[in-house]
Amino acid sequence: MTKADLISAISAETGADKVIVKKVIESFTENVKKSLTNGKNVYLRGFGSFIIVKKAEKTARDIRKNKKVVIPEHYAPKFKPVKSFVDSVKENVK
């Protein structure tokens, strides 16, 4: 499902204008990005959490040059769905 598909589906279900739905979705994504950038997690009860995880330093390999590369410690965003969401996907997606 693309962003346009999501906008169309929400607009059809709610009866709201597509322009308004698009603004809401864009505002939601911008606020999630802003919150994570500021070091704050976002929790959506019944859906999941957008969290920041700390990735440890690791050694990788550049396969083009066949050299070892050190990837420094860093933070990355992650989505962690609630258990009921995960279970629903496991049961219904085949």
PDB file of N, CA and C in Angstrom:
ATOM      1  N   MET A   1       0.844  -1.172   0.000  1.00  0.00           N
ATOM      2  CA  MET A   1       0.000   0.000   0.000  1.00  0.00           C
ATOM      3  C   MET A   1       0.890   1.236   0.000  1.00  0.00           C
ATOM      4  N   THR A   2       0.613   2.144  -0.901  1.00  0.00           N
ATOM      5  CA  THR A   2       1.375   3.385  -0.981  1.00  0.00           C
ATOM      6  C   THR A   2       0.688   4.463  -0.158  1.00  0.00           C
ATOM      7  N   LYS A   3       1.352   5.596  -0.018  1.00  0.00           N
ATOM      8  CA  LYS A   3       0.779   6.724   0.707  1.00  0.00           C
ATOM      9  C   LYS A   3      -0.517   7.171   0.037  1.00  0.00           C
ATOM     10  N   ALA A   4      -0.545   7.197  -1.284  1.00  0.00           N
ATOM     11  CA  ALA A   4      -1.749   7.595  -2.017  1.00  0.00           C
ATOM     12  C   ALA A   4      -2.891   6.606  -1.775  1.00  0.00           C
ATOM     13  N   ASP A   5      -2.571   5.310  -1.728  1.00  0.00           N
ATOM     14  CA  ASP A   5      -3.584   4.292  -1.435  1.00  0.00           C
ATOM     15  C   ASP A   5      -4.139   4.477  -0.029  1.00  0.00           C
ATOM     16  N   LEU A   6      -3.262   4.762   0.913  1.00  0.00           N
ATOM     17  CA  LEU A   6      -3.672   4.978   2.291  1.00  0.00           C
ATOM     18  C   LEU A   6      -4.588   6.200   2.405  1.00  0.00           C
ATOM     19  N   ILE A   7      -4.225   7.272   1.724  1.00  0.00           N
ATOM     20  CA  ILE A   7      -5.046   8.484   1.724  1.00  0.00           C
ATOM     21  C   ILE A   7      -6.428   8.188   1.153  1.00  0.00           C
ATOM     22  N   SER A   8      -6.484   7.467   0.051  1.00  0.00           N
ATOM     23  CA  SER A   8      -7.764   7.123  -0.570  1.00  0.00           C
ATOM     24  C   SER A   8      -8.621   6.255   0.351  1.00  0.00           C
ATOM     25  N   ALA A   9      -8.001   5.268   0.999  1.00  0.00           N
ATOM     26  CA  ALA A   9      -8.744   4.367   1.886  1.00  0.00           C
ATOM     27  C   ALA A   9      -9.311   5.116   3.087  1.00  0.00           C
ATOM     28  N   ILE A  10      -8.497   5.960   3.710  1.00  0.00           N
ATOM     29  CA  ILE A  10      -8.965   6.714   4.877  1.00  0.00           C
ATOM     30  C   ILE A  10     -10.048   7.695   4.473  1.00  0.00           C
ATOM     31  N   SER A  11      -9.871   8.345   3.338  1.00  0.00           N
ATOM     32  CA  SER A  11     -10.872   9.288   2.841  1.00  0.00           C
ATOM     33  C   SER A  11     -12.202   8.589   2.590  1.00  0.00           C
ATOM     34  N   ALA A  12     -12.160   7.395   2.011  1.00  0.00           N
ATOM     35  CA  ALA A  12     -13.387   6.642   1.727  1.00  0.00           C
ATOM     36  C   ALA A  12     -14.064   6.184   3.018  1.00  0.00           C
ATOM     37  N   GLU A  13     -13.274   5.750   3.995  1.00  0.00           N
ATOM     38  CA  GLU A  13     -13.838   5.255   5.256  1.00  0.00           C
ATOM     39  C   GLU A  13     -14.419   6.359   6.120  1.00  0.00           C
ATOM     40  N   THR A  14     -13.782   7.525   6.125  1.00  0.00           N
ATOM     41  CA  THR A  14     -14.203   8.600   7.026  1.00  0.00           C
ATOM     42  C   THR A  14     -15.091   9.635   6.351  1.00  0.00           C
ATOM     43  N   GLY A  15     -15.047   9.707   5.039  1.00  0.00           N
ATOM     44  CA  GLY A  15     -15.800  10.736   4.322  1.00  0.00           C
ATOM     45  C   GLY A  15     -15.083  12.077   4.313  1.00  0.00           C
ATOM     46  N   ALA A  16     -13.868  12.123   4.848  1.00  0.00           N
ATOM     47  CA  ALA A  16     -13.077  13.360   4.868  1.00  0.00           C
ATOM     48  C   ALA A  16     -12.465  13.604   3.495  1.00  0.00           C
ATOM     49  N   ASP A  17     -12.235  14.852   3.192  1.00  0.00           N
ATOM     50  CA  ASP A  17     -11.628  15.238   1.913  1.00  0.00           C
ATOM     51  C   ASP A  17     -10.196  14.708   1.847  1.00  0.00           C
ATOM     52  N   LYS A  18      -9.780  14.272   0.654  1.00  0.00           N
ATOM     53  CA  LYS A  18      -8.435  13.711   0.477  1.00  0.00           C
ATOM     54  C   LYS A  18      -7.339  14.710   0.831  1.00  0.00           C
ATOM     55  N   VAL A  19      -7.558  15.989   0.577  1.00  0.00           N
ATOM     56  CA  VAL A  19      -6.556  17.014   0.879  1.00  0.00           C
ATOM     57  C   VAL A  19      -6.316  17.081   2.387  1.00  0.00           C
ATOM     58  N   ILE A  20      -7.393  17.006   3.159  1.00  0.00           N
ATOM     59  CA  ILE A  20      -7.270  17.058   4.615  1.00  0.00           C
ATOM     60  C   ILE A  20      -6.578  15.799   5.126  1.00  0.00           C
ATOM     61  N   VAL A  21      -6.960  14.635   4.609  1.00  0.00           N
ATOM     62  CA  VAL A  21      -6.342  13.372   5.020  1.00  0.00           C
ATOM     63  C   VAL A  21      -4.851  13.390   4.702  1.00  0.00           C
ATOM     64  N   LYS A  22      -4.487  13.905   3.531  1.00  0.00           N
ATOM     65  CA  LYS A  22      -3.078  13.988   3.148  1.00  0.00           C
ATOM     66  C   LYS A  22      -2.310  14.869   4.127  1.00  0.00           C
ATOM     67  N   LYS A  23      -2.879  16.010   4.520  1.00  0.00           N
ATOM     68  CA  LYS A  23      -2.219  16.908   5.473  1.00  0.00           C
ATOM     69  C   LYS A  23      -2.045  16.231   6.832  1.00  0.00           C
ATOM     70  N   VAL A  24      -3.048  15.479   7.266  1.00  0.00           N
ATOM     71  CA  VAL A  24      -2.971  14.784   8.554  1.00  0.00           C
ATOM     72  C   VAL A  24      -1.865  13.733   8.525  1.00  0.00           C
ATOM     73  N   ILE A  25      -1.816  12.939   7.459  1.00  0.00           N
ATOM     74  CA  ILE A  25      -0.791  11.895   7.359  1.00  0.00           C
ATOM     75  C   ILE A  25       0.608  12.509   7.293  1.00  0.00           C
ATOM     76  N   GLU A  26       0.767  13.567   6.509  1.00  0.00           N
ATOM     77  CA  GLU A  26       2.074  14.218   6.415  1.00  0.00           C
ATOM     78  C   GLU A  26       2.474  14.846   7.742  1.00  0.00           C
ATOM     79  N   SER A  27       1.515  15.433   8.443  1.00  0.00           N
ATOM     80  CA  SER A  27       1.800  16.019   9.754  1.00  0.00           C
ATOM     81  C   SER A  27       2.186  14.933  10.754  1.00  0.00           C
ATOM     82  N   PHE A  28       1.480  13.804  10.708  1.00  0.00           N
ATOM     83  CA  PHE A  28       1.799  12.682  11.594  1.00  0.00           C
ATOM     84  C   PHE A  28       3.234  12.214  11.363  1.00  0.00           C
ATOM     85  N   THR A  29       3.601  11.972  10.107  1.00  0.00           N
ATOM     86  CA  THR A  29       4.946  11.466   9.824  1.00  0.00           C
ATOM     87  C   THR A  29       6.019  12.485  10.207  1.00  0.00           C
ATOM     88  N   GLU A  30       5.755  13.764   9.967  1.00  0.00           N
ATOM     89  CA  GLU A  30       6.725  14.798  10.330  1.00  0.00           C
ATOM     90  C   GLU A  30       6.903  14.869  11.842  1.00  0.00           C
ATOM     91  N   ASN A  31       5.812  14.744  12.585  1.00  0.00           N
ATOM     92  CA  ASN A  31       5.898  14.793  14.039  1.00  0.00           C
ATOM     93  C   ASN A  31       6.606  13.572  14.611  1.00  0.00           C
ATOM     94  N   VAL A  32       6.409  12.404  14.008  1.00  0.00           N
ATOM     95  CA  VAL A  32       7.135  11.211  14.444  1.00  0.00           C
ATOM     96  C   VAL A  32       8.628  11.409  14.180  1.00  0.00           C
ATOM     97  N   LYS A  33       8.978  11.896  12.995  1.00  0.00           N
ATOM     98  CA  LYS A  33      10.391  12.139  12.673  1.00  0.00           C
ATOM     99  C   LYS A  33      11.008  13.159  13.625  1.00  0.00           C
ATOM    100  N   LYS A  34      10.282  14.240  13.887  1.00  0.00           N
ATOM    101  CA  LYS A  34      10.778  15.295  14.764  1.00  0.00           C
ATOM    102  C   LYS A  34      11.000  14.765  16.180  1.00  0.00           C
ATOM    103  N   SER A  35      10.055  13.974  16.670  1.00  0.00           N
ATOM    104  CA  SER A  35      10.169  13.413  18.008  1.00  0.00           C
ATOM    105  C   SER A  35      11.382  12.482  18.118  1.00  0.00           C
ATOM    106  N   LEU A  36      11.549  11.586  17.142  1.00  0.00           N
ATOM    107  CA  LEU A  36      12.687  10.665  17.160  1.00  0.00           C
ATOM    108  C   LEU A  36      14.014  11.405  17.017  1.00  0.00           C
ATOM    109  N   THR A  37      14.036  12.434  16.192  1.00  0.00           N
ATOM    110  CA  THR A  37      15.242  13.239  16.015  1.00  0.00           C
ATOM    111  C   THR A  37      15.633  13.933  17.322  1.00  0.00           C
ATOM    112  N   ASN A  38      14.621  14.280  18.130  1.00  0.00           N
ATOM    113  CA  ASN A  38      14.877  14.922  19.426  1.00  0.00           C
ATOM    114  C   ASN A  38      15.112  13.919  20.545  1.00  0.00           C
ATOM    115  N   GLY A  39      15.183  12.621  20.208  1.00  0.00           N
ATOM    116  CA  GLY A  39      15.491  11.605  21.192  1.00  0.00           C
ATOM    117  C   GLY A  39      14.301  11.089  21.977  1.00  0.00           C
ATOM    118  N   LYS A  40      13.089  11.371  21.500  1.00  0.00           N
ATOM    119  CA  LYS A  40      11.880  10.934  22.214  1.00  0.00           C
ATOM    120  C   LYS A  40      11.158   9.859  21.406  1.00  0.00           C
ATOM    121  N   ASN A  41      10.793   8.758  22.068  1.00  0.00           N
ATOM    122  CA  ASN A  41      10.047   7.683  21.418  1.00  0.00           C
ATOM    123  C   ASN A  41       8.583   8.074  21.256  1.00  0.00           C
ATOM    124  N   VAL A  42       7.887   7.419  20.318  1.00  0.00           N
ATOM    125  CA  VAL A  42       6.463   7.656  20.084  1.00  0.00           C
ATOM    126  C   VAL A  42       5.729   6.347  20.322  1.00  0.00           C
ATOM    127  N   TYR A  43       4.758   6.378  21.235  1.00  0.00           N
ATOM    128  CA  TYR A  43       4.003   5.178  21.591  1.00  0.00           C
ATOM    129  C   TYR A  43       2.557   5.322  21.131  1.00  0.00           C
ATOM    130  N   LEU A  44       2.084   4.374  20.328  1.00  0.00           N
ATOM    131  CA  LEU A  44       0.704   4.356  19.864  1.00  0.00           C
ATOM    132  C   LEU A  44       0.049   3.098  20.418  1.00  0.00           C
ATOM    133  N   ARG A  45      -0.694   3.257  21.492  1.00  0.00           N
ATOM    134  CA  ARG A  45      -1.320   2.116  22.182  1.00  0.00           C
ATOM    135  C   ARG A  45      -2.186   1.320  21.214  1.00  0.00           C
ATOM    136  N   GLY A  46      -2.005   0.006  21.206  1.00  0.00           N
ATOM    137  CA  GLY A  46      -2.773  -0.880  20.344  1.00  0.00           C
ATOM    138  C   GLY A  46      -2.202  -1.030  18.941  1.00  0.00           C
ATOM    139  N   PHE A  47      -1.136  -0.284  18.616  1.00  0.00           N
ATOM    140  CA  PHE A  47      -0.530  -0.352  17.289  1.00  0.00           C
ATOM    141  C   PHE A  47       0.940  -0.706  17.375  1.00  0.00           C
ATOM    142  N   GLY A  48       1.706   0.129  18.073  1.00  0.00           N
ATOM    143  CA  GLY A  48       3.132  -0.118  18.201  1.00  0.00           C
ATOM    144  C   GLY A  48       3.877   1.124  18.631  1.00  0.00           C
ATOM    145  N   SER A  49       5.186   1.032  18.642  1.00  0.00           N
ATOM    146  CA  SER A  49       6.040   2.132  19.089  1.00  0.00           C
ATOM    147  C   SER A  49       7.119   2.422  18.059  1.00  0.00           C
ATOM    148  N   PHE A  50       7.366   3.695  17.855  1.00  0.00           N
ATOM    149  CA  PHE A  50       8.508   4.151  17.063  1.00  0.00           C
ATOM    150  C   PHE A  50       9.566   4.494  18.090  1.00  0.00           C
ATOM    151  N   ILE A  51      10.651   3.708  18.109  1.00  0.00           N
ATOM    152  CA  ILE A  51      11.660   3.881  19.143  1.00  0.00           C
ATOM    153  C   ILE A  51      13.035   4.112  18.531  1.00  0.00           C
ATOM    154  N   ILE A  52      13.928   4.609  19.384  1.00  0.00           N
ATOM    155  CA  ILE A  52      15.315   4.819  18.983  1.00  0.00           C
ATOM    156  C   ILE A  52      16.141   3.702  19.602  1.00  0.00           C
ATOM    157  N   VAL A  53      16.935   3.034  18.785  1.00  0.00           N
ATOM    158  CA  VAL A  53      17.800   1.965  19.287  1.00  0.00           C
ATOM    159  C   VAL A  53      19.261   2.345  19.051  1.00  0.00           C
ATOM    160  N   LYS A  54      20.093   1.925  20.005  1.00  0.00           N
ATOM    161  CA  LYS A  54      21.525   2.192  19.903  1.00  0.00           C
ATOM    162  C   LYS A  54      22.183   0.997  19.228  1.00  0.00           C
ATOM    163  N   LYS A  55      22.864   1.249  18.136  1.00  0.00           N
ATOM    164  CA  LYS A  55      23.578   0.202  17.399  1.00  0.00           C
ATOM    165  C   LYS A  55      25.049   0.250  17.803  1.00  0.00           C
ATOM    166  N   ALA A  56      25.567  -0.878  18.186  1.00  0.00           N
ATOM    167  CA  ALA A  56      26.969  -0.958  18.614  1.00  0.00           C
ATOM    168  C   ALA A  56      27.909  -0.845  17.408  1.00  0.00           C
ATOM    169  N   GLU A  57      29.147  -0.460  17.699  1.00  0.00           N
ATOM    170  CA  GLU A  57      30.163  -0.410  16.645  1.00  0.00           C
ATOM    171  C   GLU A  57      30.387  -1.825  16.124  1.00  0.00           C
ATOM    172  N   LYS A  58      30.546  -1.941  14.815  1.00  0.00           N
ATOM    173  CA  LYS A  58      30.807  -3.265  14.254  1.00  0.00           C
ATOM    174  C   LYS A  58      31.741  -3.164  13.067  1.00  0.00           C
ATOM    175  N   THR A  59      32.320  -4.295  12.741  1.00  0.00           N
ATOM    176  CA  THR A  59      33.211  -4.377  11.591  1.00  0.00           C
ATOM    177  C   THR A  59      32.453  -5.045  10.453  1.00  0.00           C
ATOM    178  N   ALA A  60      32.481  -4.400   9.296  1.00  0.00           N
ATOM    179  CA  ALA A  60      31.827  -4.941   8.108  1.00  0.00           C
ATOM    180  C   ALA A  60      32.881  -5.082   7.019  1.00  0.00           C
ATOM    181  N   ARG A  61      32.443  -5.477   5.839  1.00  0.00           N
ATOM    182  CA  ARG A  61      33.380  -5.659   4.738  1.00  0.00           C
ATOM    183  C   ARG A  61      32.851  -4.974   3.496  1.00  0.00           C
ATOM    184  N   ASP A  62      33.688  -4.158   2.868  1.00  0.00           N
ATOM    185  CA  ASP A  62      33.363  -3.540   1.586  1.00  0.00           C
ATOM    186  C   ASP A  62      33.705  -4.576   0.523  1.00  0.00           C
ATOM    187  N   ILE A  63      32.679  -5.187  -0.072  1.00  0.00           N
ATOM    188  CA  ILE A  63      32.940  -6.292  -0.995  1.00  0.00           C
ATOM    189  C   ILE A  63      33.560  -5.830  -2.315  1.00  0.00           C
ATOM    190  N   ARG A  64      33.352  -4.569  -2.661  1.00  0.00           N
ATOM    191  CA  ARG A  64      33.960  -4.068  -3.905  1.00  0.00           C
ATOM    192  C   ARG A  64      35.474  -3.954  -3.785  1.00  0.00           C
ATOM    193  N   LYS A  65      35.921  -3.472  -2.620  1.00  0.00           N
ATOM    194  CA  LYS A  65      37.364  -3.263  -2.412  1.00  0.00           C
ATOM    195  C   LYS A  65      37.993  -4.374  -1.568  1.00  0.00           C
ATOM    196  N   ASN A  66      37.141  -5.278  -1.054  1.00  0.00           N
ATOM    197  CA  ASN A  66      37.584  -6.377  -0.207  1.00  0.00           C
ATOM    198  C   ASN A  66      38.394  -5.867   0.986  1.00  0.00           C
ATOM    199  N   LYS A  67      37.851  -4.824   1.641  1.00  0.00           N
ATOM    200  CA  LYS A  67      38.494  -4.247   2.813  1.00  0.00           C
ATOM    201  C   LYS A  67      37.516  -4.247   3.981  1.00  0.00           C
ATOM    202  N   LYS A  68      38.094  -4.296   5.185  1.00  0.00           N
ATOM    203  CA  LYS A  68      37.273  -4.189   6.379  1.00  0.00           C
ATOM    204  C   LYS A  68      36.914  -2.721   6.611  1.00  0.00           C
ATOM    205  N   VAL A  69      35.677  -2.494   7.030  1.00  0.00           N
ATOM    206  CA  VAL A  69      35.198  -1.144   7.309  1.00  0.00           C
ATOM    207  C   VAL A  69      34.599  -1.139   8.714  1.00  0.00           C
ATOM    208  N   VAL A  70      34.955  -0.144   9.503  1.00  0.00           N
ATOM    209  CA  VAL A  70      34.394  -0.031  10.847  1.00  0.00           C
ATOM    210  C   VAL A  70      33.186   0.898  10.784  1.00  0.00           C
ATOM    211  N   ILE A  71      32.042   0.370  11.211  1.00  0.00           N
ATOM    212  CA  ILE A  71      30.826   1.181  11.285  1.00  0.00           C
ATOM    213  C   ILE A  71      30.715   1.647  12.728  1.00  0.00           C
ATOM    214  N   PRO A  72      30.783   2.962  12.954  1.00  0.00           N
ATOM    215  CA  PRO A  72      30.789   3.468  14.326  1.00  0.00           C
ATOM    216  C   PRO A  72      29.434   3.262  15.027  1.00  0.00           C
ATOM    217  N   GLU A  73      29.473   3.340  16.340  1.00  0.00           N
ATOM    218  CA  GLU A  73      28.253   3.259  17.140  1.00  0.00           C
ATOM    219  C   GLU A  73      27.315   4.405  16.714  1.00  0.00           C
ATOM    220  N   HIS A  74      26.022   4.105  16.598  1.00  0.00           N
ATOM    221  CA  HIS A  74      25.062   5.128  16.183  1.00  0.00           C
ATOM    222  C   HIS A  74      23.656   4.765  16.658  1.00  0.00           C
ATOM    223  N   TYR A  75      22.745   5.691  16.499  1.00  0.00           N
ATOM    224  CA  TYR A  75      21.348   5.478  16.848  1.00  0.00           C
ATOM    225  C   TYR A  75      20.532   5.362  15.568  1.00  0.00           C
ATOM    226  N   ALA A  76      19.487   4.529  15.612  1.00  0.00           N
ATOM    227  CA  ALA A  76      18.649   4.322  14.432  1.00  0.00           C
ATOM    228  C   ALA A  76      17.187   4.199  14.871  1.00  0.00           C
ATOM    229  N   PRO A  77      16.256   4.648  14.015  1.00  0.00           N
ATOM    230  CA  PRO A  77      14.839   4.483  14.345  1.00  0.00           C
ATOM    231  C   PRO A  77      14.394   3.050  14.087  1.00  0.00           C
ATOM    232  N   LYS A  78      13.389   2.612  14.849  1.00  0.00           N
ATOM    233  CA  LYS A  78      12.853   1.261  14.698  1.00  0.00           C
ATOM    234  C   LYS A  78      11.371   1.292  15.041  1.00  0.00           C
ATOM    235  N   PHE A  79      10.586   0.470  14.345  1.00  0.00           N
ATOM    236  CA  PHE A  79       9.181   0.317  14.682  1.00  0.00           C
ATOM    237  C   PHE A  79       8.997  -1.025  15.364  1.00  0.00           C
ATOM    238  N   LYS A  80       8.349  -1.012  16.517  1.00  0.00           N
ATOM    239  CA  LYS A  80       8.095  -2.245  17.262  1.00  0.00           C
ATOM    240  C   LYS A  80       6.585  -2.399  17.419  1.00  0.00           C
ATOM    241  N   PRO A  81       5.961  -3.306  16.646  1.00  0.00           N
ATOM    242  CA  PRO A  81       4.505  -3.485  16.737  1.00  0.00           C
ATOM    243  C   PRO A  81       4.108  -4.191  18.030  1.00  0.00           C
ATOM    244  N   VAL A  82       2.842  -3.974  18.458  1.00  0.00           N
ATOM    245  CA  VAL A  82       2.344  -4.668  19.642  1.00  0.00           C
ATOM    246  C   VAL A  82       2.129  -6.144  19.310  1.00  0.00           C
ATOM    247  N   LYS A  83       2.114  -6.971  20.344  1.00  0.00           N
ATOM    248  CA  LYS A  83       2.023  -8.421  20.159  1.00  0.00           C
ATOM    249  C   LYS A  83       0.769  -8.823  19.389  1.00  0.00           C
ATOM    250  N   SER A  84      -0.372  -8.196  19.664  1.00  0.00           N
ATOM    251  CA  SER A  84      -1.612  -8.564  18.974  1.00  0.00           C
ATOM    252  C   SER A  84      -1.514  -8.271  17.471  1.00  0.00           C
ATOM    253  N   PHE A  85      -0.807  -7.223  17.101  1.00  0.00           N
ATOM    254  CA  PHE A  85      -0.602  -6.871  15.695  1.00  0.00           C
ATOM    255  C   PHE A  85       0.264  -7.932  15.023  1.00  0.00           C
ATOM    256  N   VAL A  86       1.344  -8.310  15.689  1.00  0.00           N
ATOM    257  CA  VAL A  86       2.253  -9.332  15.156  1.00  0.00           C
ATOM    258  C   VAL A  86       1.511 -10.651  14.979  1.00  0.00           C
ATOM    259  N   ASP A  87       0.746 -11.028  15.998  1.00  0.00           N
ATOM    260  CA  ASP A  87      -0.014 -12.285  15.925  1.00  0.00           C
ATOM    261  C   ASP A  87      -1.028 -12.262  14.787  1.00  0.00           C
ATOM    262  N   SER A  88      -1.683 -11.128  14.589  1.00  0.00           N
ATOM    263  CA  SER A  88      -2.669 -10.995  13.507  1.00  0.00           C
ATOM    264  C   SER A  88      -2.020 -11.185  12.135  1.00  0.00           C
ATOM    265  N   VAL A  89      -0.851 -10.602  11.962  1.00  0.00           N
ATOM    266  CA  VAL A  89      -0.130 -10.754  10.686  1.00  0.00           C
ATOM    267  C   VAL A  89       0.294 -12.205  10.490  1.00  0.00           C
ATOM    268  N   LYS A  90       0.799 -12.835  11.548  1.00  0.00           N
ATOM    269  CA  LYS A  90       1.221 -14.241  11.450  1.00  0.00           C
ATOM    270  C   LYS A  90       0.065 -15.153  11.046  1.00  0.00           C
ATOM    271  N   GLU A  91      -1.108 -14.897  11.605  1.00  0.00           N
ATOM    272  CA  GLU A  91      -2.267 -15.743  11.343  1.00  0.00           C
ATOM    273  C   GLU A  91      -2.886 -15.517   9.968  1.00  0.00           C
ATOM    274  N   ASN A  92      -2.850 -14.281   9.482  1.00  0.00           N
ATOM    275  CA  ASN A  92      -3.597 -13.943   8.267  1.00  0.00           C
ATOM    276  C   ASN A  92      -2.794 -13.861   6.989  1.00  0.00           C
ATOM    277  N   VAL A  93      -1.512 -13.633   7.070  1.00  0.00           N
ATOM    278  CA  VAL A  93      -0.689 -13.531   5.860  1.00  0.00           C
ATOM    279  C   VAL A  93      -0.109 -14.906   5.547  1.00  0.00           C
ATOM    280  N   LYS A  94      -0.371 -15.352   4.354  1.00  0.00           N
ATOM    281  CA  LYS A  94       0.108 -16.680   3.961  1.00  0.00           C
ATOM    282  C   LYS A  94       0.942 -16.565   2.711  1.00  0.00           C
TER     283      LYS A  94
END
